[in-house]
Amino acid sequence: MTKRKALEILLIALNIIGIVLLVHFAIPYITYNTTILNPNAMIPFEAWDRAGMILTLGFVPLLAINIFSFIFIKFKEKYWGFLFFIPSIICFIIVLSYWIN
């Protein structure tokens, strides 16, 4: 296996992990889950608030992985590479919604 192919596989795996985490944290935020996960904490977060904060922290690494994937993974048609930015756009909309509300 060449270094280029190994890099492509690594980037695709990181993209899949990012999408799974995005879905995992977007569901409590979108459904506005108000259960308190750890009531004994010093600052107890509701589930939607915790998910919004984690998505805020995870937006930049997700965007970086999407940009690297766009640059290093080559397709026959150039416009297919823009599909890598869909998770970043969704995460940005959720983060923007979190900080505006």
PDB file of N, CA and C in Angstrom:
ATOM      1  N   MET A   1       0.845  -1.167   0.000  1.00  0.00           N
ATOM      2  CA  MET A   1       0.000   0.000   0.000  1.00  0.00           C
ATOM      3  C   MET A   1       0.898   1.240   0.000  1.00  0.00           C
ATOM      4  N   THR A   2       0.549   2.176  -0.849  1.00  0.00           N
ATOM      5  CA  THR A   2       1.344   3.388  -0.929  1.00  0.00           C
ATOM      6  C   THR A   2       0.991   4.348   0.202  1.00  0.00           C
ATOM      7  N   LYS A   3       1.853   5.316   0.393  1.00  0.00           N
ATOM      8  CA  LYS A   3       1.608   6.313   1.442  1.00  0.00           C
ATOM      9  C   LYS A   3       0.360   7.133   1.128  1.00  0.00           C
ATOM     10  N   ARG A   4       0.153   7.400  -0.143  1.00  0.00           N
ATOM     11  CA  ARG A   4      -1.022   8.181  -0.564  1.00  0.00           C
ATOM     12  C   ARG A   4      -2.313   7.441  -0.231  1.00  0.00           C
ATOM     13  N   LYS A   5      -2.345   6.144  -0.510  1.00  0.00           N
ATOM     14  CA  LYS A   5      -3.544   5.340  -0.238  1.00  0.00           C
ATOM     15  C   LYS A   5      -3.777   5.233   1.264  1.00  0.00           C
ATOM     16  N   ALA A   6      -2.705   5.087   2.044  1.00  0.00           N
ATOM     17  CA  ALA A   6      -2.841   5.022   3.495  1.00  0.00           C
ATOM     18  C   ALA A   6      -3.377   6.339   4.050  1.00  0.00           C
ATOM     19  N   LEU A   7      -2.917   7.464   3.495  1.00  0.00           N
ATOM     20  CA  LEU A   7      -3.410   8.766   3.913  1.00  0.00           C
ATOM     21  C   LEU A   7      -4.893   8.916   3.590  1.00  0.00           C
ATOM     22  N   GLU A   8      -5.304   8.461   2.407  1.00  0.00           N
ATOM     23  CA  GLU A   8      -6.716   8.536   2.029  1.00  0.00           C
ATOM     24  C   GLU A   8      -7.576   7.693   2.967  1.00  0.00           C
ATOM     25  N   ILE A   9      -7.125   6.505   3.312  1.00  0.00           N
ATOM     26  CA  ILE A   9      -7.884   5.646   4.220  1.00  0.00           C
ATOM     27  C   ILE A   9      -7.974   6.279   5.601  1.00  0.00           C
ATOM     28  N   LEU A  10      -6.887   6.864   6.079  1.00  0.00           N
ATOM     29  CA  LEU A  10      -6.893   7.539   7.375  1.00  0.00           C
ATOM     30  C   LEU A  10      -7.866   8.715   7.382  1.00  0.00           C
ATOM     31  N   LEU A  11      -7.852   9.517   6.325  1.00  0.00           N
ATOM     32  CA  LEU A  11      -8.750  10.662   6.255  1.00  0.00           C
ATOM     33  C   LEU A  11     -10.211  10.236   6.177  1.00  0.00           C
ATOM     34  N   ILE A  12     -10.489   9.184   5.443  1.00  0.00           N
ATOM     35  CA  ILE A  12     -11.864   8.688   5.367  1.00  0.00           C
ATOM     36  C   ILE A  12     -12.305   8.146   6.721  1.00  0.00           C
ATOM     37  N   ALA A  13     -11.418   7.446   7.414  1.00  0.00           N
ATOM     38  CA  ALA A  13     -11.765   6.929   8.749  1.00  0.00           C
ATOM     39  C   ALA A  13     -12.022   8.073   9.729  1.00  0.00           C
ATOM     40  N   LEU A  14     -11.209   9.115   9.685  1.00  0.00           N
ATOM     41  CA  LEU A  14     -11.423  10.270  10.560  1.00  0.00           C
ATOM     42  C   LEU A  14     -12.714  10.999  10.213  1.00  0.00           C
ATOM     43  N   ASN A  15     -13.064  11.058   8.931  1.00  0.00           N
ATOM     44  CA  ASN A  15     -14.332  11.654   8.531  1.00  0.00           C
ATOM     45  C   ASN A  15     -15.509  10.857   9.056  1.00  0.00           C
ATOM     46  N   ILE A  16     -15.424   9.540   8.997  1.00  0.00           N
ATOM     47  CA  ILE A  16     -16.508   8.695   9.503  1.00  0.00           C
ATOM     48  C   ILE A  16     -16.656   8.862  11.008  1.00  0.00           C
ATOM     49  N   ILE A  17     -15.545   8.913  11.726  1.00  0.00           N
ATOM     50  CA  ILE A  17     -15.599   9.141  13.178  1.00  0.00           C
ATOM     51  C   ILE A  17     -16.239  10.496  13.471  1.00  0.00           C
ATOM     52  N   GLY A  18     -15.869  11.516  12.707  1.00  0.00           N
ATOM     53  CA  GLY A  18     -16.449  12.843  12.891  1.00  0.00           C
ATOM     54  C   GLY A  18     -17.945  12.871  12.633  1.00  0.00           C
ATOM     55  N   ILE A  19     -18.391  12.154  11.615  1.00  0.00           N
ATOM     56  CA  ILE A  19     -19.819  12.102  11.305  1.00  0.00           C
ATOM     57  C   ILE A  19     -20.585  11.364  12.400  1.00  0.00           C
ATOM     58  N   VAL A  20     -20.014  10.278  12.901  1.00  0.00           N
ATOM     59  CA  VAL A  20     -20.670   9.527  13.977  1.00  0.00           C
ATOM     60  C   VAL A  20     -20.796  10.391  15.231  1.00  0.00           C
ATOM     61  N   LEU A  21     -19.738  11.102  15.585  1.00  0.00           N
ATOM     62  CA  LEU A  21     -19.796  11.976  16.757  1.00  0.00           C
ATOM     63  C   LEU A  21     -20.753  13.151  16.533  1.00  0.00           C
ATOM     64  N   LEU A  22     -20.796  13.675  15.319  1.00  0.00           N
ATOM     65  CA  LEU A  22     -21.731  14.748  15.003  1.00  0.00           C
ATOM     66  C   LEU A  22     -23.167  14.285  15.198  1.00  0.00           C
ATOM     67  N   VAL A  23     -23.495  13.123  14.695  1.00  0.00           N
ATOM     68  CA  VAL A  23     -24.853  12.591  14.864  1.00  0.00           C
ATOM     69  C   VAL A  23     -25.139  12.304  16.332  1.00  0.00           C
ATOM     70  N   HIS A  24     -24.154  11.749  17.030  1.00  0.00           N
ATOM     71  CA  HIS A  24     -24.336  11.399  18.448  1.00  0.00           C
ATOM     72  C   HIS A  24     -24.644  12.630  19.302  1.00  0.00           C
ATOM     73  N   PHE A  25     -23.993  13.745  19.027  1.00  0.00           N
ATOM     74  CA  PHE A  25     -24.224  14.942  19.826  1.00  0.00           C
ATOM     75  C   PHE A  25     -25.295  15.855  19.242  1.00  0.00           C
ATOM     76  N   ALA A  26     -25.624  15.712  17.970  1.00  0.00           N
ATOM     77  CA  ALA A  26     -26.660  16.553  17.381  1.00  0.00           C
ATOM     78  C   ALA A  26     -28.053  16.100  17.803  1.00  0.00           C
ATOM     79  N   ILE A  27     -28.236  14.817  18.052  1.00  0.00           N
ATOM     80  CA  ILE A  27     -29.562  14.312  18.427  1.00  0.00           C
ATOM     81  C   ILE A  27     -30.050  14.916  19.739  1.00  0.00           C
ATOM     82  N   PRO A  28     -29.260  14.925  20.838  1.00  0.00           N
ATOM     83  CA  PRO A  28     -29.773  15.569  22.053  1.00  0.00           C
ATOM     84  C   PRO A  28     -29.974  17.072  21.894  1.00  0.00           C
ATOM     85  N   TYR A  29     -29.157  17.703  21.068  1.00  0.00           N
ATOM     86  CA  TYR A  29     -29.322  19.139  20.874  1.00  0.00           C
ATOM     87  C   TYR A  29     -30.602  19.446  20.093  1.00  0.00           C
ATOM     88  N   ILE A  30     -30.821  18.726  19.015  1.00  0.00           N
ATOM     89  CA  ILE A  30     -31.988  18.988  18.167  1.00  0.00           C
ATOM     90  C   ILE A  30     -33.284  18.620  18.886  1.00  0.00           C
ATOM     91  N   THR A  31     -33.268  17.539  19.658  1.00  0.00           N
ATOM     92  CA  THR A  31     -34.479  17.132  20.381  1.00  0.00           C
ATOM     93  C   THR A  31     -34.672  17.912  21.670  1.00  0.00           C
ATOM     94  N   TYR A  32     -33.737  18.778  22.016  1.00  0.00           N
ATOM     95  CA  TYR A  32     -33.780  19.606  23.222  1.00  0.00           C
ATOM     96  C   TYR A  32     -33.989  18.742  24.463  1.00  0.00           C
ATOM     97  N   ASN A  33     -33.092  17.809  24.642  1.00  0.00           N
ATOM     98  CA  ASN A  33     -33.129  16.887  25.773  1.00  0.00           C
ATOM     99  C   ASN A  33     -32.714  17.637  27.042  1.00  0.00           C
ATOM    100  N   THR A  34     -33.652  17.785  27.985  1.00  0.00           N
ATOM    101  CA  THR A  34     -33.384  18.590  29.182  1.00  0.00           C
ATOM    102  C   THR A  34     -33.006  17.756  30.398  1.00  0.00           C
ATOM    103  N   THR A  35     -32.708  16.496  30.211  1.00  0.00           N
ATOM    104  CA  THR A  35     -32.288  15.697  31.359  1.00  0.00           C
ATOM    105  C   THR A  35     -30.886  16.119  31.787  1.00  0.00           C
ATOM    106  N   ILE A  36     -30.669  16.091  33.081  1.00  0.00           N
ATOM    107  CA  ILE A  36     -29.344  16.428  33.619  1.00  0.00           C
ATOM    108  C   ILE A  36     -28.586  15.117  33.785  1.00  0.00           C
ATOM    109  N   LEU A  37     -27.486  14.979  33.030  1.00  0.00           N
ATOM    110  CA  LEU A  37     -26.759  13.714  32.995  1.00  0.00           C
ATOM    111  C   LEU A  37     -25.970  13.461  34.272  1.00  0.00           C
ATOM    112  N   ASN A  38     -25.404  14.490  34.870  1.00  0.00           N
ATOM    113  CA  ASN A  38     -24.611  14.335  36.078  1.00  0.00           C
ATOM    114  C   ASN A  38     -25.056  15.396  37.093  1.00  0.00           C
ATOM    115  N   PRO A  39     -26.090  15.087  37.896  1.00  0.00           N
ATOM    116  CA  PRO A  39     -26.630  16.110  38.797  1.00  0.00           C
ATOM    117  C   PRO A  39     -25.684  16.490  39.938  1.00  0.00           C
ATOM    118  N   ASN A  40     -24.689  15.691  40.231  1.00  0.00           N
ATOM    119  CA  ASN A  40     -23.760  15.997  41.319  1.00  0.00           C
ATOM    120  C   ASN A  40     -22.563  16.816  40.876  1.00  0.00           C
ATOM    121  N   ALA A  41     -22.537  17.229  39.626  1.00  0.00           N
ATOM    122  CA  ALA A  41     -21.414  18.023  39.123  1.00  0.00           C
ATOM    123  C   ALA A  41     -21.473  19.430  39.694  1.00  0.00           C
ATOM    124  N   MET A  42     -20.338  20.120  39.644  1.00  0.00           N
ATOM    125  CA  MET A  42     -20.294  21.483  40.155  1.00  0.00           C
ATOM    126  C   MET A  42     -21.200  22.398  39.317  1.00  0.00           C
ATOM    127  N   ILE A  43     -21.152  22.230  37.990  1.00  0.00           N
ATOM    128  CA  ILE A  43     -22.057  22.947  37.095  1.00  0.00           C
ATOM    129  C   ILE A  43     -22.808  21.881  36.287  1.00  0.00           C
ATOM    130  N   PRO A  44     -24.013  21.505  36.723  1.00  0.00           N
ATOM    131  CA  PRO A  44     -24.728  20.448  36.001  1.00  0.00           C
ATOM    132  C   PRO A  44     -25.302  20.962  34.678  1.00  0.00           C
ATOM    133  N   PHE A  45     -24.911  20.337  33.589  1.00  0.00           N
ATOM    134  CA  PHE A  45     -25.400  20.680  32.261  1.00  0.00           C
ATOM    135  C   PHE A  45     -26.618  19.845  31.933  1.00  0.00           C
ATOM    136  N   GLU A  46     -27.554  20.444  31.220  1.00  0.00           N
ATOM    137  CA  GLU A  46     -28.602  19.650  30.596  1.00  0.00           C
ATOM    138  C   GLU A  46     -27.980  18.999  29.364  1.00  0.00           C
ATOM    139  N   ALA A  47     -28.593  17.924  28.881  1.00  0.00           N
ATOM    140  CA  ALA A  47     -27.990  17.163  27.779  1.00  0.00           C
ATOM    141  C   ALA A  47     -27.854  18.004  26.515  1.00  0.00           C
ATOM    142  N   TRP A  48     -28.830  18.850  26.215  1.00  0.00           N
ATOM    143  CA  TRP A  48     -28.742  19.662  24.992  1.00  0.00           C
ATOM    144  C   TRP A  48     -27.637  20.709  25.117  1.00  0.00           C
ATOM    145  N   ASP A  49     -27.458  21.261  26.312  1.00  0.00           N
ATOM    146  CA  ASP A  49     -26.430  22.277  26.529  1.00  0.00           C
ATOM    147  C   ASP A  49     -25.031  21.665  26.429  1.00  0.00           C
ATOM    148  N   ARG A  50     -24.891  20.478  26.995  1.00  0.00           N
ATOM    149  CA  ARG A  50     -23.608  19.757  26.916  1.00  0.00           C
ATOM    150  C   ARG A  50     -23.279  19.415  25.463  1.00  0.00           C
ATOM    151  N   ALA A  51     -24.290  18.952  24.721  1.00  0.00           N
ATOM    152  CA  ALA A  51     -24.075  18.593  23.317  1.00  0.00           C
ATOM    153  C   ALA A  51     -23.696  19.815  22.490  1.00  0.00           C
ATOM    154  N   GLY A  52     -24.325  20.950  22.759  1.00  0.00           N
ATOM    155  CA  GLY A  52     -23.984  22.174  22.035  1.00  0.00           C
ATOM    156  C   GLY A  52     -22.558  22.621  22.310  1.00  0.00           C
ATOM    157  N   MET A  53     -22.138  22.500  23.561  1.00  0.00           N
ATOM    158  CA  MET A  53     -20.773  22.892  23.910  1.00  0.00           C
ATOM    159  C   MET A  53     -19.753  21.946  23.273  1.00  0.00           C
ATOM    160  N   ILE A  54     -20.030  20.658  23.282  1.00  0.00           N
ATOM    161  CA  ILE A  54     -19.105  19.695  22.674  1.00  0.00           C
ATOM    162  C   ILE A  54     -19.042  19.894  21.161  1.00  0.00           C
ATOM    163  N   LEU A  55     -20.170  20.185  20.530  1.00  0.00           N
ATOM    164  CA  LEU A  55     -20.150  20.466  19.095  1.00  0.00           C
ATOM    165  C   LEU A  55     -19.380  21.745  18.788  1.00  0.00           C
ATOM    166  N   THR A  56     -19.449  22.717  19.685  1.00  0.00           N
ATOM    167  CA  THR A  56     -18.667  23.937  19.504  1.00  0.00           C
ATOM    168  C   THR A  56     -17.174  23.623  19.523  1.00  0.00           C
ATOM    169  N   LEU A  57     -16.757  22.806  20.475  1.00  0.00           N
ATOM    170  CA  LEU A  57     -15.341  22.444  20.568  1.00  0.00           C
ATOM    171  C   LEU A  57     -14.898  21.537  19.423  1.00  0.00           C
ATOM    172  N   GLY A  58     -15.806  20.740  18.885  1.00  0.00           N
ATOM    173  CA  GLY A  58     -15.450  19.804  17.830  1.00  0.00           C
ATOM    174  C   GLY A  58     -15.574  20.351  16.424  1.00  0.00           C
ATOM    175  N   PHE A  59     -16.076  21.580  16.290  1.00  0.00           N
ATOM    176  CA  PHE A  59     -16.271  22.129  14.945  1.00  0.00           C
ATOM    177  C   PHE A  59     -14.950  22.343  14.204  1.00  0.00           C
ATOM    178  N   VAL A  60     -13.960  22.916  14.846  1.00  0.00           N
ATOM    179  CA  VAL A  60     -12.685  23.218  14.177  1.00  0.00           C
ATOM    180  C   VAL A  60     -11.951  21.947  13.750  1.00  0.00           C
ATOM    181  N   PRO A  61     -11.829  20.909  14.607  1.00  0.00           N
ATOM    182  CA  PRO A  61     -11.181  19.681  14.115  1.00  0.00           C
ATOM    183  C   PRO A  61     -11.946  19.015  12.972  1.00  0.00           C
ATOM    184  N   LEU A  62     -13.286  19.067  13.033  1.00  0.00           N
ATOM    185  CA  LEU A  62     -14.083  18.491  11.946  1.00  0.00           C
ATOM    186  C   LEU A  62     -13.846  19.252  10.653  1.00  0.00           C
ATOM    187  N   LEU A  63     -13.804  20.559  10.724  1.00  0.00           N
ATOM    188  CA  LEU A  63     -13.545  21.371   9.534  1.00  0.00           C
ATOM    189  C   LEU A  63     -12.143  21.102   8.986  1.00  0.00           C
ATOM    190  N   ALA A  64     -11.159  20.943   9.876  1.00  0.00           N
ATOM    191  CA  ALA A  64      -9.791  20.663   9.427  1.00  0.00           C
ATOM    192  C   ALA A  64      -9.713  19.321   8.697  1.00  0.00           C
ATOM    193  N   ILE A  65     -10.350  18.305   9.244  1.00  0.00           N
ATOM    194  CA  ILE A  65     -10.347  16.991   8.578  1.00  0.00           C
ATOM    195  C   ILE A  65     -11.069  17.065   7.245  1.00  0.00           C
ATOM    196  N   ASN A  66     -12.173  17.809   7.171  1.00  0.00           N
ATOM    197  CA  ASN A  66     -12.882  17.953   5.899  1.00  0.00           C
ATOM    198  C   ASN A  66     -12.034  18.689   4.865  1.00  0.00           C
ATOM    199  N   ILE A  67     -11.292  19.687   5.281  1.00  0.00           N
ATOM    200  CA  ILE A  67     -10.423  20.411   4.347  1.00  0.00           C
ATOM    201  C   ILE A  67      -9.289  19.508   3.858  1.00  0.00           C
ATOM    202  N   PHE A  68      -8.658  18.767   4.778  1.00  0.00           N
ATOM    203  CA  PHE A  68      -7.593  17.843   4.359  1.00  0.00           C
ATOM    204  C   PHE A  68      -8.133  16.771   3.414  1.00  0.00           C
ATOM    205  N   SER A  69      -9.333  16.276   3.686  1.00  0.00           N
ATOM    206  CA  SER A  69      -9.923  15.274   2.795  1.00  0.00           C
ATOM    207  C   SER A  69     -10.193  15.866   1.426  1.00  0.00           C
ATOM    208  N   PHE A  70     -10.679  17.094   1.385  1.00  0.00           N
ATOM    209  CA  PHE A  70     -10.939  17.753   0.104  1.00  0.00           C
ATOM    210  C   PHE A  70      -9.653  17.923  -0.697  1.00  0.00           C
ATOM    211  N   ILE A  71      -8.566  18.230   0.000  1.00  0.00           N
ATOM    212  CA  ILE A  71      -7.295  18.470  -0.689  1.00  0.00           C
ATOM    213  C   ILE A  71      -6.639  17.170  -1.153  1.00  0.00           C
ATOM    214  N   PHE A  72      -6.610  16.151  -0.295  1.00  0.00           N
ATOM    215  CA  PHE A  72      -5.791  14.971  -0.578  1.00  0.00           C
ATOM    216  C   PHE A  72      -6.522  13.816  -1.256  1.00  0.00           C
ATOM    217  N   ILE A  73      -7.839  13.753  -1.154  1.00  0.00           N
ATOM    218  CA  ILE A  73      -8.571  12.663  -1.807  1.00  0.00           C
ATOM    219  C   ILE A  73      -9.058  13.162  -3.154  1.00  0.00           C
ATOM    220  N   LYS A  74      -8.618  12.498  -4.194  1.00  0.00           N
ATOM    221  CA  LYS A  74      -8.927  12.936  -5.549  1.00  0.00           C
ATOM    222  C   LYS A  74     -10.068  12.103  -6.133  1.00  0.00           C
ATOM    223  N   PHE A  75     -10.997  12.802  -6.786  1.00  0.00           N
ATOM    224  CA  PHE A  75     -12.097  12.172  -7.489  1.00  0.00           C
ATOM    225  C   PHE A  75     -11.975  12.498  -8.973  1.00  0.00           C
ATOM    226  N   LYS A  76     -12.669  11.742  -9.809  1.00  0.00           N
ATOM    227  CA  LYS A  76     -12.643  12.040 -11.245  1.00  0.00           C
ATOM    228  C   LYS A  76     -13.336  13.363 -11.529  1.00  0.00           C
ATOM    229  N   GLU A  77     -14.485  13.571 -10.884  1.00  0.00           N
ATOM    230  CA  GLU A  77     -15.170  14.856 -11.000  1.00  0.00           C
ATOM    231  C   GLU A  77     -14.831  15.690  -9.775  1.00  0.00           C
ATOM    232  N   LYS A  78     -14.462  16.920  -9.974  1.00  0.00           N
ATOM    233  CA  LYS A  78     -13.986  17.774  -8.883  1.00  0.00           C
ATOM    234  C   LYS A  78     -15.089  18.107  -7.878  1.00  0.00           C
ATOM    235  N   TYR A  79     -16.332  18.192  -8.319  1.00  0.00           N
ATOM    236  CA  TYR A  79     -17.403  18.616  -7.424  1.00  0.00           C
ATOM    237  C   TYR A  79     -17.751  17.579  -6.362  1.00  0.00           C
ATOM    238  N   TRP A  80     -17.359  16.331  -6.528  1.00  0.00           N
ATOM    239  CA  TRP A  80     -17.624  15.315  -5.503  1.00  0.00           C
ATOM    240  C   TRP A  80     -16.869  15.608  -4.213  1.00  0.00           C
ATOM    241  N   GLY A  81     -15.755  16.282  -4.303  1.00  0.00           N
ATOM    242  CA  GLY A  81     -14.968  16.622  -3.127  1.00  0.00           C
ATOM    243  C   GLY A  81     -15.683  17.575  -2.185  1.00  0.00           C
ATOM    244  N   PHE A  82     -16.617  18.364  -2.718  1.00  0.00           N
ATOM    245  CA  PHE A  82     -17.357  19.291  -1.867  1.00  0.00           C
ATOM    246  C   PHE A  82     -18.308  18.588  -0.916  1.00  0.00           C
ATOM    247  N   LEU A  83     -18.591  17.317  -1.144  1.00  0.00           N
ATOM    248  CA  LEU A  83     -19.447  16.562  -0.226  1.00  0.00           C
ATOM    249  C   LEU A  83     -18.802  16.375   1.139  1.00  0.00           C
ATOM    250  N   PHE A  84     -17.484  16.519   1.200  1.00  0.00           N
ATOM    251  CA  PHE A  84     -16.801  16.415   2.492  1.00  0.00           C
ATOM    252  C   PHE A  84     -17.194  17.552   3.434  1.00  0.00           C
ATOM    253  N   PHE A  85     -17.668  18.660   2.893  1.00  0.00           N
ATOM    254  CA  PHE A  85     -17.986  19.818   3.721  1.00  0.00           C
ATOM    255  C   PHE A  85     -19.395  19.781   4.303  1.00  0.00           C
ATOM    256  N   ILE A  86     -20.207  18.818   3.935  1.00  0.00           N
ATOM    257  CA  ILE A  86     -21.580  18.738   4.462  1.00  0.00           C
ATOM    258  C   ILE A  86     -21.588  18.577   5.981  1.00  0.00           C
ATOM    259  N   PRO A  87     -20.789  17.688   6.593  1.00  0.00           N
ATOM    260  CA  PRO A  87     -20.800  17.620   8.062  1.00  0.00           C
ATOM    261  C   PRO A  87     -20.350  18.917   8.728  1.00  0.00           C
ATOM    262  N   SER A  88     -19.394  19.606   8.142  1.00  0.00           N
ATOM    263  CA  SER A  88     -18.934  20.877   8.714  1.00  0.00           C
ATOM    264  C   SER A  88     -20.024  21.937   8.643  1.00  0.00           C
ATOM    265  N   ILE A  89     -20.758  21.962   7.550  1.00  0.00           N
ATOM    266  CA  ILE A  89     -21.842  22.930   7.412  1.00  0.00           C
ATOM    267  C   ILE A  89     -22.942  22.642   8.423  1.00  0.00           C
ATOM    268  N   ILE A  90     -23.296  21.375   8.586  1.00  0.00           N
ATOM    269  CA  ILE A  90     -24.314  21.002   9.569  1.00  0.00           C
ATOM    270  C   ILE A  90     -23.853  21.355  10.977  1.00  0.00           C
ATOM    271  N   CYS A  91     -22.617  21.040  11.292  1.00  0.00           N
ATOM    272  CA  CYS A  91     -22.080  21.355  12.616  1.00  0.00           C
ATOM    273  C   CYS A  91     -22.040  22.868  12.831  1.00  0.00           C
ATOM    274  N   PHE A  92     -21.674  23.640  11.810  1.00  0.00           N
ATOM    275  CA  PHE A  92     -21.642  25.087  11.929  1.00  0.00           C
ATOM    276  C   PHE A  92     -23.031  25.658  12.186  1.00  0.00           C
ATOM    277  N   ILE A  93     -24.044  25.117  11.513  1.00  0.00           N
ATOM    278  CA  ILE A  93     -25.416  25.593  11.720  1.00  0.00           C
ATOM    279  C   ILE A  93     -25.870  25.297  13.147  1.00  0.00           C
ATOM    280  N   ILE A  94     -25.543  24.111  13.658  1.00  0.00           N
ATOM    281  CA  ILE A  94     -25.929  23.758  15.025  1.00  0.00           C
ATOM    282  C   ILE A  94     -25.190  24.637  16.031  1.00  0.00           C
ATOM    283  N   VAL A  95     -23.903  24.853  15.823  1.00  0.00           N
ATOM    284  CA  VAL A  95     -23.124  25.704  16.733  1.00  0.00           C
ATOM    285  C   VAL A  95     -23.623  27.141  16.691  1.00  0.00           C
ATOM    286  N   LEU A  96     -23.930  27.634  15.522  1.00  0.00           N
ATOM    287  CA  LEU A  96     -24.470  28.978  15.396  1.00  0.00           C
ATOM    288  C   LEU A  96     -25.805  29.086  16.124  1.00  0.00           C
ATOM    289  N   SER A  97     -26.633  28.081  15.973  1.00  0.00           N
ATOM    290  CA  SER A  97     -27.920  28.050  16.671  1.00  0.00           C
ATOM    291  C   SER A  97     -27.719  28.006  18.186  1.00  0.00           C
ATOM    292  N   TYR A  98     -26.732  27.260  18.623  1.00  0.00           N
ATOM    293  CA  TYR A  98     -26.457  27.150  20.060  1.00  0.00           C
ATOM    294  C   TYR A  98     -26.055  28.502  20.648  1.00  0.00           C
ATOM    295  N   TRP A  99     -25.195  29.220  19.956  1.00  0.00           N
ATOM    296  CA  TRP A  99     -24.694  30.469  20.507  1.00  0.00           C
ATOM    297  C   TRP A  99     -25.643  31.636  20.308  1.00  0.00           C
ATOM    298  N   ILE A 100     -26.545  31.568  19.334  1.00  0.00           N
ATOM    299  CA  ILE A 100     -27.525  32.641  19.143  1.00  0.00           C
ATOM    300  C   ILE A 100     -28.644  32.530  20.183  1.00  0.00           C
ATOM    301  N   ASN A 101     -29.061  31.309  20.486  1.00  0.00           N
ATOM    302  CA  ASN A 101     -30.158  31.131  21.451  1.00  0.00           C
ATOM    303  C   ASN A 101     -29.654  31.280  22.813  1.00  0.00           C
TER     304      ASN A 101
END
